[in-house]
Amino acid sequence: MRRQPNMKEIKPSPYRKAIRFFSFCNHLTYGSTDSVIADTILMHIRNVDRITLEGIADESNISLSSVSRFFTKCGFDGIQDFKLSLSEYLNAGGKMRTRSFLKEYAGMEYSDLSRSMKERGENSLNATYMQTDIEKLQDIVRIFKREQNVMIAGDTRELACFNLFQLDLACQGISALFKNINDISGSFAGYLRNEKCALCLISVYKGWYTEEIRTLANQAKQYHHPVILFTQDEAVASDDMDLVFTYGIPGSINDGYYSLHYLADMMSAMLYLEE
């Protein structure tokens, strides 16, 4: 009988809490209590550090207890935790994106900016094409077929690149569960308890590989499940993986999304063409 490992609770960082808040809001049913609360909070995004439970409750015409529970559902310890986490994310993220765009595109005409962005996508695809290890990609598809259960973990954009591949896996009778790394929690453990399961991690930059993700990989390995990593920075976690597939251009971050669509389509074709 397989030994059950001790599952360490994975606590998200303030940054991931903030990202999870937006993901939670985007998937709410229109008109629901939580949707009304979210809309009220988002209308005060410029002054999020000044919001109060009472203010949100009054403006949304919803009880204090419901507003308080909303923050718990989003993964915060309370409204203060929410305000600190979101303020930190908005301030740091805004400054980082401003510096990035100014460094890359300051002084450019928009026509030149458009051409530059197109070339970045082409460069990522070309780099992936030139270094693609076809046999290793075939091995990954064979692992998925053998295990019959696949957990694919990445952020919202990374998972979106694999949406059609998830459907193709299902058409082949293979269960594929998406897990957003911004929603990472102990709930991952249940799926990993399947007798057969492969964990597939998707990464476009090395800063993605946090202790939370390392813990998830270790949990899978404790169950003796194969752990696969798609990454633009192989050295970042190669020791924790059974198989590492490198693509794109190291350090190029967002350009890697162009390549993920290409790799997902390649694996979909292999699903149907491989005997």
C-alpha atoms as a PDB file:
ATOM      1  CA  MET A   1       0.000   0.000   0.000  1.00  0.00           C
ATOM      2  CA  ARG A   2       1.380   3.395  -0.932  1.00  0.00           C
ATOM      3  CA  ARG A   3       2.640   5.483   1.967  1.00  0.00           C
ATOM      4  CA  GLN A   4       0.739   8.738   2.420  1.00  0.00           C
ATOM      5  CA  PRO A   5       3.176  11.655   2.678  1.00  0.00           C
ATOM      6  CA  ASN A   6       2.723  14.482   5.109  1.00  0.00           C
ATOM      7  CA  MET A   7       1.215  17.296   3.079  1.00  0.00           C
ATOM      8  CA  LYS A   8       2.774  20.608   3.980  1.00  0.00           C
ATOM      9  CA  GLU A   9       0.334  23.508   3.908  1.00  0.00           C
ATOM     10  CA  ILE A  10       1.269  25.910   1.131  1.00  0.00           C
ATOM     11  CA  LYS A  11       0.734  29.539   2.079  1.00  0.00           C
ATOM     12  CA  PRO A  12       0.627  32.025  -0.780  1.00  0.00           C
ATOM     13  CA  SER A  13       2.817  35.119  -0.699  1.00  0.00           C
ATOM     14  CA  PRO A  14       1.257  38.615  -0.583  1.00  0.00           C
ATOM     15  CA  TYR A  15       1.941  38.927  -4.322  1.00  0.00           C
ATOM     16  CA  ARG A  16       0.085  35.691  -5.120  1.00  0.00           C
ATOM     17  CA  LYS A  17      -2.771  36.721  -2.822  1.00  0.00           C
ATOM     18  CA  ALA A  18      -3.236  39.883  -4.864  1.00  0.00           C
ATOM     19  CA  ILE A  19      -3.149  37.994  -8.170  1.00  0.00           C
ATOM     20  CA  ARG A  20      -5.613  35.455  -6.793  1.00  0.00           C
ATOM     21  CA  PHE A  21      -8.029  38.255  -5.875  1.00  0.00           C
ATOM     22  CA  PHE A  22      -8.319  39.342  -9.519  1.00  0.00           C
ATOM     23  CA  SER A  23      -8.665  35.726 -10.679  1.00  0.00           C
ATOM     24  CA  PHE A  24     -11.418  35.153  -8.104  1.00  0.00           C
ATOM     25  CA  CYS A  25     -13.294  38.292  -9.221  1.00  0.00           C
ATOM     26  CA  ASN A  26     -13.050  37.364 -12.906  1.00  0.00           C
ATOM     27  CA  HIS A  27     -14.852  34.062 -12.349  1.00  0.00           C
ATOM     28  CA  LEU A  28     -17.758  35.257 -10.200  1.00  0.00           C
ATOM     29  CA  THR A  29     -21.364  34.887 -11.373  1.00  0.00           C
ATOM     30  CA  TYR A  30     -22.764  38.239 -12.420  1.00  0.00           C
ATOM     31  CA  GLY A  31     -25.183  39.642  -9.853  1.00  0.00           C
ATOM     32  CA  SER A  32     -24.128  37.292  -7.050  1.00  0.00           C
ATOM     33  CA  THR A  33     -23.382  38.655  -3.588  1.00  0.00           C
ATOM     34  CA  ASP A  34     -19.631  38.190  -4.046  1.00  0.00           C
ATOM     35  CA  SER A  35     -19.801  39.795  -7.497  1.00  0.00           C
ATOM     36  CA  VAL A  36     -21.448  42.918  -6.071  1.00  0.00           C
ATOM     37  CA  ILE A  37     -18.821  43.121  -3.318  1.00  0.00           C
ATOM     38  CA  ALA A  38     -16.004  42.682  -5.851  1.00  0.00           C
ATOM     39  CA  ASP A  39     -17.443  45.385  -8.112  1.00  0.00           C
ATOM     40  CA  THR A  40     -17.646  47.781  -5.167  1.00  0.00           C
ATOM     41  CA  ILE A  41     -14.028  47.134  -4.181  1.00  0.00           C
ATOM     42  CA  LEU A  42     -12.755  47.482  -7.763  1.00  0.00           C
ATOM     43  CA  MET A  43     -14.470  50.863  -8.118  1.00  0.00           C
ATOM     44  CA  HIS A  44     -12.122  52.061  -5.347  1.00  0.00           C
ATOM     45  CA  ILE A  45      -8.973  50.472  -6.753  1.00  0.00           C
ATOM     46  CA  ARG A  46      -7.149  53.830  -6.795  1.00  0.00           C
ATOM     47  CA  ASN A  47      -7.634  54.160  -3.036  1.00  0.00           C
ATOM     48  CA  VAL A  48      -7.722  50.530  -1.958  1.00  0.00           C
ATOM     49  CA  ASP A  49      -5.749  51.317   1.191  1.00  0.00           C
ATOM     50  CA  ARG A  50      -8.652  53.465   2.445  1.00  0.00           C
ATOM     51  CA  ILE A  51     -11.526  51.014   2.098  1.00  0.00           C
ATOM     52  CA  THR A  52     -13.319  49.680   5.188  1.00  0.00           C
ATOM     53  CA  LEU A  53     -15.686  46.802   5.858  1.00  0.00           C
ATOM     54  CA  GLU A  54     -18.390  49.254   6.839  1.00  0.00           C
ATOM     55  CA  GLY A  55     -17.897  51.361   3.713  1.00  0.00           C
ATOM     56  CA  ILE A  56     -18.116  48.379   1.377  1.00  0.00           C
ATOM     57  CA  ALA A  57     -21.147  47.003   3.207  1.00  0.00           C
ATOM     58  CA  ASP A  58     -22.991  50.340   3.040  1.00  0.00           C
ATOM     59  CA  GLU A  59     -22.166  51.000  -0.614  1.00  0.00           C
ATOM     60  CA  SER A  60     -23.013  47.484  -1.802  1.00  0.00           C
ATOM     61  CA  ASN A  61     -26.020  47.119   0.540  1.00  0.00           C
ATOM     62  CA  ILE A  62     -24.638  43.792   1.765  1.00  0.00           C
ATOM     63  CA  SER A  63     -24.120  42.652   5.347  1.00  0.00           C
ATOM     64  CA  LEU A  64     -20.826  43.116   7.177  1.00  0.00           C
ATOM     65  CA  SER A  65     -20.520  39.376   7.726  1.00  0.00           C
ATOM     66  CA  SER A  66     -20.823  38.671   3.983  1.00  0.00           C
ATOM     67  CA  VAL A  67     -18.182  41.290   3.171  1.00  0.00           C
ATOM     68  CA  SER A  68     -15.861  39.815   5.803  1.00  0.00           C
ATOM     69  CA  ARG A  69     -16.330  36.303   4.397  1.00  0.00           C
ATOM     70  CA  PHE A  70     -15.529  37.596   0.915  1.00  0.00           C
ATOM     71  CA  PHE A  71     -11.947  38.383   1.903  1.00  0.00           C
ATOM     72  CA  THR A  72     -11.559  34.948   3.478  1.00  0.00           C
ATOM     73  CA  LYS A  73     -12.788  33.303   0.256  1.00  0.00           C
ATOM     74  CA  CYS A  74     -10.132  35.238  -1.646  1.00  0.00           C
ATOM     75  CA  GLY A  75      -7.446  33.806   0.619  1.00  0.00           C
ATOM     76  CA  PHE A  76      -6.781  36.780   2.886  1.00  0.00           C
ATOM     77  CA  ASP A  77      -6.641  36.806   6.667  1.00  0.00           C
ATOM     78  CA  GLY A  78      -8.947  39.817   6.663  1.00  0.00           C
ATOM     79  CA  ILE A  79      -9.424  43.244   5.141  1.00  0.00           C
ATOM     80  CA  GLN A  80      -6.092  44.535   6.484  1.00  0.00           C
ATOM     81  CA  ASP A  81      -4.230  41.653   4.883  1.00  0.00           C
ATOM     82  CA  PHE A  82      -6.093  42.395   1.644  1.00  0.00           C
ATOM     83  CA  LYS A  83      -5.255  46.108   1.708  1.00  0.00           C
ATOM     84  CA  LEU A  84      -1.568  45.526   2.422  1.00  0.00           C
ATOM     85  CA  SER A  85      -1.175  42.781  -0.196  1.00  0.00           C
ATOM     86  CA  LEU A  86      -3.045  44.584  -2.958  1.00  0.00           C
ATOM     87  CA  SER A  87      -1.375  47.945  -2.274  1.00  0.00           C
ATOM     88  CA  GLU A  88       2.048  46.307  -2.405  1.00  0.00           C
ATOM     89  CA  TYR A  89       1.219  44.557  -5.671  1.00  0.00           C
ATOM     90  CA  LEU A  90      -0.252  47.618  -7.392  1.00  0.00           C
ATOM     91  CA  ASN A  91       2.592  49.921  -6.357  1.00  0.00           C
ATOM     92  CA  ALA A  92       5.429  47.543  -7.170  1.00  0.00           C
ATOM     93  CA  GLY A  93       3.792  46.139 -10.313  1.00  0.00           C
ATOM     94  CA  GLY A  94       2.982  49.549 -11.758  1.00  0.00           C
ATOM     95  CA  LYS A  95       6.517  50.826 -11.237  1.00  0.00           C
ATOM     96  CA  MET A  96       8.056  47.679 -12.706  1.00  0.00           C
ATOM     97  CA  ARG A  97       5.868  47.779 -15.836  1.00  0.00           C
ATOM     98  CA  THR A  98       6.555  51.499 -16.330  1.00  0.00           C
ATOM     99  CA  ARG A  99      10.318  50.938 -16.160  1.00  0.00           C
ATOM    100  CA  SER A 100      10.055  47.967 -18.509  1.00  0.00           C
ATOM    101  CA  PHE A 101       8.069  49.784 -21.216  1.00  0.00           C
ATOM    102  CA  LEU A 102      10.189  52.941 -20.999  1.00  0.00           C
ATOM    103  CA  LYS A 103      13.401  50.948 -21.276  1.00  0.00           C
ATOM    104  CA  GLU A 104      12.166  48.948 -24.250  1.00  0.00           C
ATOM    105  CA  TYR A 105      10.050  51.397 -26.240  1.00  0.00           C
ATOM    106  CA  ALA A 106      10.683  55.007 -25.132  1.00  0.00           C
ATOM    107  CA  GLY A 107      10.773  57.375 -28.120  1.00  0.00           C
ATOM    108  CA  MET A 108       9.422  54.808 -30.591  1.00  0.00           C
ATOM    109  CA  GLU A 109       6.673  55.496 -33.081  1.00  0.00           C
ATOM    110  CA  TYR A 110       3.778  53.086 -32.576  1.00  0.00           C
ATOM    111  CA  SER A 111       4.434  51.564 -35.994  1.00  0.00           C
ATOM    112  CA  ASP A 112       7.981  50.731 -34.853  1.00  0.00           C
ATOM    113  CA  LEU A 113       6.647  49.437 -31.546  1.00  0.00           C
ATOM    114  CA  SER A 114       4.270  47.150 -33.423  1.00  0.00           C
ATOM    115  CA  ARG A 115       7.089  45.760 -35.559  1.00  0.00           C
ATOM    116  CA  SER A 116       9.310  45.264 -32.497  1.00  0.00           C
ATOM    117  CA  MET A 117       6.618  43.268 -30.683  1.00  0.00           C
ATOM    118  CA  LYS A 118       6.043  41.105 -33.776  1.00  0.00           C
ATOM    119  CA  GLU A 119       9.761  40.386 -33.984  1.00  0.00           C
ATOM    120  CA  ARG A 120       9.895  39.405 -30.328  1.00  0.00           C
ATOM    121  CA  GLY A 121       7.199  36.793 -30.923  1.00  0.00           C
ATOM    122  CA  GLU A 122       8.998  35.510 -34.002  1.00  0.00           C
ATOM    123  CA  ASN A 123      12.305  35.307 -32.117  1.00  0.00           C
ATOM    124  CA  SER A 124      10.722  33.239 -29.354  1.00  0.00           C
ATOM    125  CA  LEU A 125       9.120  30.832 -31.823  1.00  0.00           C
ATOM    126  CA  ASN A 126      12.323  30.501 -33.836  1.00  0.00           C
ATOM    127  CA  ALA A 127      14.381  29.819 -30.708  1.00  0.00           C
ATOM    128  CA  THR A 128      11.898  27.163 -29.586  1.00  0.00           C
ATOM    129  CA  TYR A 129      11.794  25.563 -33.021  1.00  0.00           C
ATOM    130  CA  MET A 130      15.599  25.381 -33.234  1.00  0.00           C
ATOM    131  CA  GLN A 131      16.039  23.759 -29.807  1.00  0.00           C
ATOM    132  CA  THR A 132      12.925  21.572 -29.673  1.00  0.00           C
ATOM    133  CA  ASP A 133      13.829  18.036 -28.664  1.00  0.00           C
ATOM    134  CA  ILE A 134      11.191  16.062 -30.581  1.00  0.00           C
ATOM    135  CA  GLU A 135      11.986  12.788 -28.797  1.00  0.00           C
ATOM    136  CA  LYS A 136      11.631  14.432 -25.395  1.00  0.00           C
ATOM    137  CA  LEU A 137       8.287  15.945 -26.412  1.00  0.00           C
ATOM    138  CA  GLN A 138       7.172  12.473 -27.519  1.00  0.00           C
ATOM    139  CA  ASP A 139       8.279  11.087 -24.147  1.00  0.00           C
ATOM    140  CA  ILE A 140       6.102  13.655 -22.365  1.00  0.00           C
ATOM    141  CA  VAL A 141       3.046  12.666 -24.417  1.00  0.00           C
ATOM    142  CA  ARG A 142       3.744   8.983 -23.705  1.00  0.00           C
ATOM    143  CA  ILE A 143       3.964   9.721 -19.976  1.00  0.00           C
ATOM    144  CA  PHE A 144       0.575  11.452 -20.091  1.00  0.00           C
ATOM    145  CA  LYS A 145      -0.932   8.468 -21.934  1.00  0.00           C
ATOM    146  CA  ARG A 146       0.589   6.015 -19.475  1.00  0.00           C
ATOM    147  CA  GLU A 147      -0.463   7.852 -16.327  1.00  0.00           C
ATOM    148  CA  GLN A 148      -4.002   8.701 -17.568  1.00  0.00           C
ATOM    149  CA  ASN A 149      -4.234  11.560 -15.034  1.00  0.00           C
ATOM    150  CA  VAL A 150      -2.385  14.841 -15.568  1.00  0.00           C
ATOM    151  CA  MET A 151      -2.207  17.905 -13.334  1.00  0.00           C
ATOM    152  CA  ILE A 152      -1.054  20.959 -15.298  1.00  0.00           C
ATOM    153  CA  ALA A 153       0.020  23.879 -13.118  1.00  0.00           C
ATOM    154  CA  GLY A 154       0.779  27.381 -14.338  1.00  0.00           C
ATOM    155  CA  ASP A 155      -0.533  30.923 -14.170  1.00  0.00           C
ATOM    156  CA  THR A 156      -3.647  32.120 -15.992  1.00  0.00           C
ATOM    157  CA  ARG A 157      -1.858  32.974 -19.248  1.00  0.00           C
ATOM    158  CA  GLU A 158       0.213  29.797 -19.294  1.00  0.00           C
ATOM    159  CA  LEU A 159      -2.821  27.593 -18.751  1.00  0.00           C
ATOM    160  CA  ALA A 160      -4.718  29.457 -21.485  1.00  0.00           C
ATOM    161  CA  CYS A 161      -2.022  28.332 -23.929  1.00  0.00           C
ATOM    162  CA  PHE A 162      -2.849  24.704 -23.030  1.00  0.00           C
ATOM    163  CA  ASN A 163      -6.668  24.964 -23.164  1.00  0.00           C
ATOM    164  CA  LEU A 164      -7.077  23.079 -26.441  1.00  0.00           C
ATOM    165  CA  PHE A 165      -4.485  20.507 -25.372  1.00  0.00           C
ATOM    166  CA  GLN A 166      -6.586  19.839 -22.259  1.00  0.00           C
ATOM    167  CA  LEU A 167      -9.596  19.103 -24.485  1.00  0.00           C
ATOM    168  CA  ASP A 168      -7.501  16.844 -26.711  1.00  0.00           C
ATOM    169  CA  LEU A 169      -6.318  14.904 -23.660  1.00  0.00           C
ATOM    170  CA  ALA A 170      -9.956  14.423 -22.643  1.00  0.00           C
ATOM    171  CA  CYS A 171     -10.811  13.159 -26.140  1.00  0.00           C
ATOM    172  CA  GLN A 172      -8.119  10.527 -25.645  1.00  0.00           C
ATOM    173  CA  GLY A 173      -9.630   9.477 -22.303  1.00  0.00           C
ATOM    174  CA  ILE A 174      -6.950  11.235 -20.239  1.00  0.00           C
ATOM    175  CA  SER A 175      -8.023  13.294 -17.236  1.00  0.00           C
ATOM    176  CA  ALA A 176      -6.320  16.719 -17.244  1.00  0.00           C
ATOM    177  CA  LEU A 177      -6.793  19.062 -14.300  1.00  0.00           C
ATOM    178  CA  PHE A 178      -5.671  22.695 -14.518  1.00  0.00           C
ATOM    179  CA  LYS A 179      -4.370  24.332 -11.347  1.00  0.00           C
ATOM    180  CA  ASN A 180      -3.609  28.037 -11.295  1.00  0.00           C
ATOM    181  CA  ILE A 181      -0.407  28.606  -9.314  1.00  0.00           C
ATOM    182  CA  ASN A 182      -1.911  31.814  -7.947  1.00  0.00           C
ATOM    183  CA  ASP A 183      -4.581  29.687  -6.264  1.00  0.00           C
ATOM    184  CA  ILE A 184      -2.115  27.115  -4.960  1.00  0.00           C
ATOM    185  CA  SER A 185      -3.180  25.459  -1.704  1.00  0.00           C
ATOM    186  CA  GLY A 186      -3.403  22.149   0.083  1.00  0.00           C
ATOM    187  CA  SER A 187      -6.301  21.267  -2.238  1.00  0.00           C
ATOM    188  CA  PHE A 188      -3.698  20.083  -4.752  1.00  0.00           C
ATOM    189  CA  ALA A 189      -3.061  17.046  -2.561  1.00  0.00           C
ATOM    190  CA  GLY A 190      -6.329  15.269  -3.392  1.00  0.00           C
ATOM    191  CA  TYR A 191      -5.617  14.898  -7.101  1.00  0.00           C
ATOM    192  CA  LEU A 192      -2.049  13.804  -6.420  1.00  0.00           C
ATOM    193  CA  ARG A 193      -3.378  10.863  -4.411  1.00  0.00           C
ATOM    194  CA  ASN A 194      -4.476   9.181  -7.649  1.00  0.00           C
ATOM    195  CA  GLU A 195      -2.600   5.901  -8.099  1.00  0.00           C
ATOM    196  CA  LYS A 196      -1.319   7.151 -11.451  1.00  0.00           C
ATOM    197  CA  CYS A 197      -0.747  10.843 -12.118  1.00  0.00           C
ATOM    198  CA  ALA A 198       1.765  13.135 -13.835  1.00  0.00           C
ATOM    199  CA  LEU A 199       2.497  16.670 -12.675  1.00  0.00           C
ATOM    200  CA  CYS A 200       3.282  19.131 -15.472  1.00  0.00           C
ATOM    201  CA  LEU A 201       4.594  22.567 -14.436  1.00  0.00           C
ATOM    202  CA  ILE A 202       4.671  25.457 -16.914  1.00  0.00           C
ATOM    203  CA  SER A 203       7.028  28.392 -16.397  1.00  0.00           C
ATOM    204  CA  VAL A 204       8.046  31.380 -18.512  1.00  0.00           C
ATOM    205  CA  TYR A 205      10.542  32.895 -16.062  1.00  0.00           C
ATOM    206  CA  LYS A 206      12.743  31.757 -13.189  1.00  0.00           C
ATOM    207  CA  GLY A 207      11.059  33.944 -10.547  1.00  0.00           C
ATOM    208  CA  TRP A 208       7.975  31.741 -10.946  1.00  0.00           C
ATOM    209  CA  TYR A 209       9.676  28.810  -9.205  1.00  0.00           C
ATOM    210  CA  THR A 210       8.882  29.677  -5.596  1.00  0.00           C
ATOM    211  CA  GLU A 211       9.004  27.523  -2.481  1.00  0.00           C
ATOM    212  CA  GLU A 212       5.273  26.943  -2.992  1.00  0.00           C
ATOM    213  CA  ILE A 213       5.898  25.321  -6.370  1.00  0.00           C
ATOM    214  CA  ARG A 214       8.894  23.401  -5.052  1.00  0.00           C
ATOM    215  CA  THR A 215       6.684  22.002  -2.289  1.00  0.00           C
ATOM    216  CA  LEU A 216       4.089  20.919  -4.859  1.00  0.00           C
ATOM    217  CA  ALA A 217       6.775  19.145  -6.915  1.00  0.00           C
ATOM    218  CA  ASN A 218       8.067  17.402  -3.803  1.00  0.00           C
ATOM    219  CA  GLN A 219       4.557  16.259  -2.891  1.00  0.00           C
ATOM    220  CA  ALA A 220       4.184  14.646  -6.324  1.00  0.00           C
ATOM    221  CA  LYS A 221       7.563  12.945  -6.002  1.00  0.00           C
ATOM    222  CA  GLN A 222       6.606  11.566  -2.591  1.00  0.00           C
ATOM    223  CA  TYR A 223       3.783   9.758  -4.372  1.00  0.00           C
ATOM    224  CA  HIS A 224       6.316   8.602  -7.000  1.00  0.00           C
ATOM    225  CA  HIS A 225       4.565  10.574  -9.741  1.00  0.00           C
ATOM    226  CA  PRO A 226       6.601  11.857 -12.711  1.00  0.00           C
ATOM    227  CA  VAL A 227       7.218  15.611 -12.551  1.00  0.00           C
ATOM    228  CA  ILE A 228       7.705  17.509 -15.823  1.00  0.00           C
ATOM    229  CA  LEU A 229       8.744  21.133 -16.231  1.00  0.00           C
ATOM    230  CA  PHE A 230       8.394  23.366 -19.289  1.00  0.00           C
ATOM    231  CA  THR A 231      10.750  26.304 -18.739  1.00  0.00           C
ATOM    232  CA  GLN A 232      12.821  28.979 -20.440  1.00  0.00           C
ATOM    233  CA  ASP A 233      15.436  28.736 -17.650  1.00  0.00           C
ATOM    234  CA  GLU A 234      16.409  25.077 -17.261  1.00  0.00           C
ATOM    235  CA  ALA A 235      18.888  25.514 -14.396  1.00  0.00           C
ATOM    236  CA  VAL A 236      16.220  26.977 -12.138  1.00  0.00           C
ATOM    237  CA  ALA A 237      14.739  23.662 -10.970  1.00  0.00           C
ATOM    238  CA  SER A 238      16.270  20.815 -12.924  1.00  0.00           C
ATOM    239  CA  ASP A 239      17.255  18.917  -9.761  1.00  0.00           C
ATOM    240  CA  ASP A 240      13.601  18.701  -8.650  1.00  0.00           C
ATOM    241  CA  MET A 241      12.282  17.371 -11.971  1.00  0.00           C
ATOM    242  CA  ASP A 242      12.144  14.009 -13.707  1.00  0.00           C
ATOM    243  CA  LEU A 243      12.050  15.687 -17.107  1.00  0.00           C
ATOM    244  CA  VAL A 244      12.788  19.282 -18.126  1.00  0.00           C
ATOM    245  CA  PHE A 245      11.781  20.668 -21.522  1.00  0.00           C
ATOM    246  CA  THR A 246      13.413  23.992 -22.379  1.00  0.00           C
ATOM    247  CA  TYR A 247      11.968  26.404 -24.921  1.00  0.00           C
ATOM    248  CA  GLY A 248      12.091  30.047 -25.928  1.00  0.00           C
ATOM    249  CA  ILE A 249      14.778  32.523 -24.904  1.00  0.00           C
ATOM    250  CA  PRO A 250      16.118  32.539 -21.314  1.00  0.00           C
ATOM    251  CA  GLY A 251      15.115  35.716 -19.482  1.00  0.00           C
ATOM    252  CA  SER A 252      12.649  36.847 -22.155  1.00  0.00           C
ATOM    253  CA  ILE A 253       9.689  36.267 -19.785  1.00  0.00           C
ATOM    254  CA  ASN A 254       6.416  37.156 -21.565  1.00  0.00           C
ATOM    255  CA  ASP A 255       7.713  36.287 -25.029  1.00  0.00           C
ATOM    256  CA  GLY A 256       7.546  32.648 -23.988  1.00  0.00           C
ATOM    257  CA  TYR A 257       3.763  32.578 -24.303  1.00  0.00           C
ATOM    258  CA  TYR A 258       4.093  32.553 -28.102  1.00  0.00           C
ATOM    259  CA  SER A 259       6.076  29.321 -27.835  1.00  0.00           C
ATOM    260  CA  LEU A 260       3.703  27.648 -25.394  1.00  0.00           C
ATOM    261  CA  HIS A 261       0.892  27.715 -27.983  1.00  0.00           C
ATOM    262  CA  TYR A 262       3.229  26.062 -30.487  1.00  0.00           C
ATOM    263  CA  LEU A 263       4.316  23.336 -28.030  1.00  0.00           C
ATOM    264  CA  ALA A 264       0.733  22.613 -26.947  1.00  0.00           C
ATOM    265  CA  ASP A 265      -0.293  22.190 -30.600  1.00  0.00           C
ATOM    266  CA  MET A 266       2.665  19.879 -31.189  1.00  0.00           C
ATOM    267  CA  MET A 267       1.640  17.655 -28.282  1.00  0.00           C
ATOM    268  CA  SER A 268      -1.993  17.619 -29.438  1.00  0.00           C
ATOM    269  CA  ALA A 269      -0.877  16.335 -32.843  1.00  0.00           C
ATOM    270  CA  MET A 270       1.298  13.679 -31.179  1.00  0.00           C
ATOM    271  CA  LEU A 271      -1.659  12.515 -29.078  1.00  0.00           C
ATOM    272  CA  TYR A 272      -3.545  11.574 -32.198  1.00  0.00           C
ATOM    273  CA  LEU A 273      -0.658  10.467 -34.419  1.00  0.00           C
ATOM    274  CA  GLU A 274       1.340   8.385 -31.922  1.00  0.00           C
ATOM    275  CA  GLU A 275       0.339   4.733 -31.697  1.00  0.00           C
END
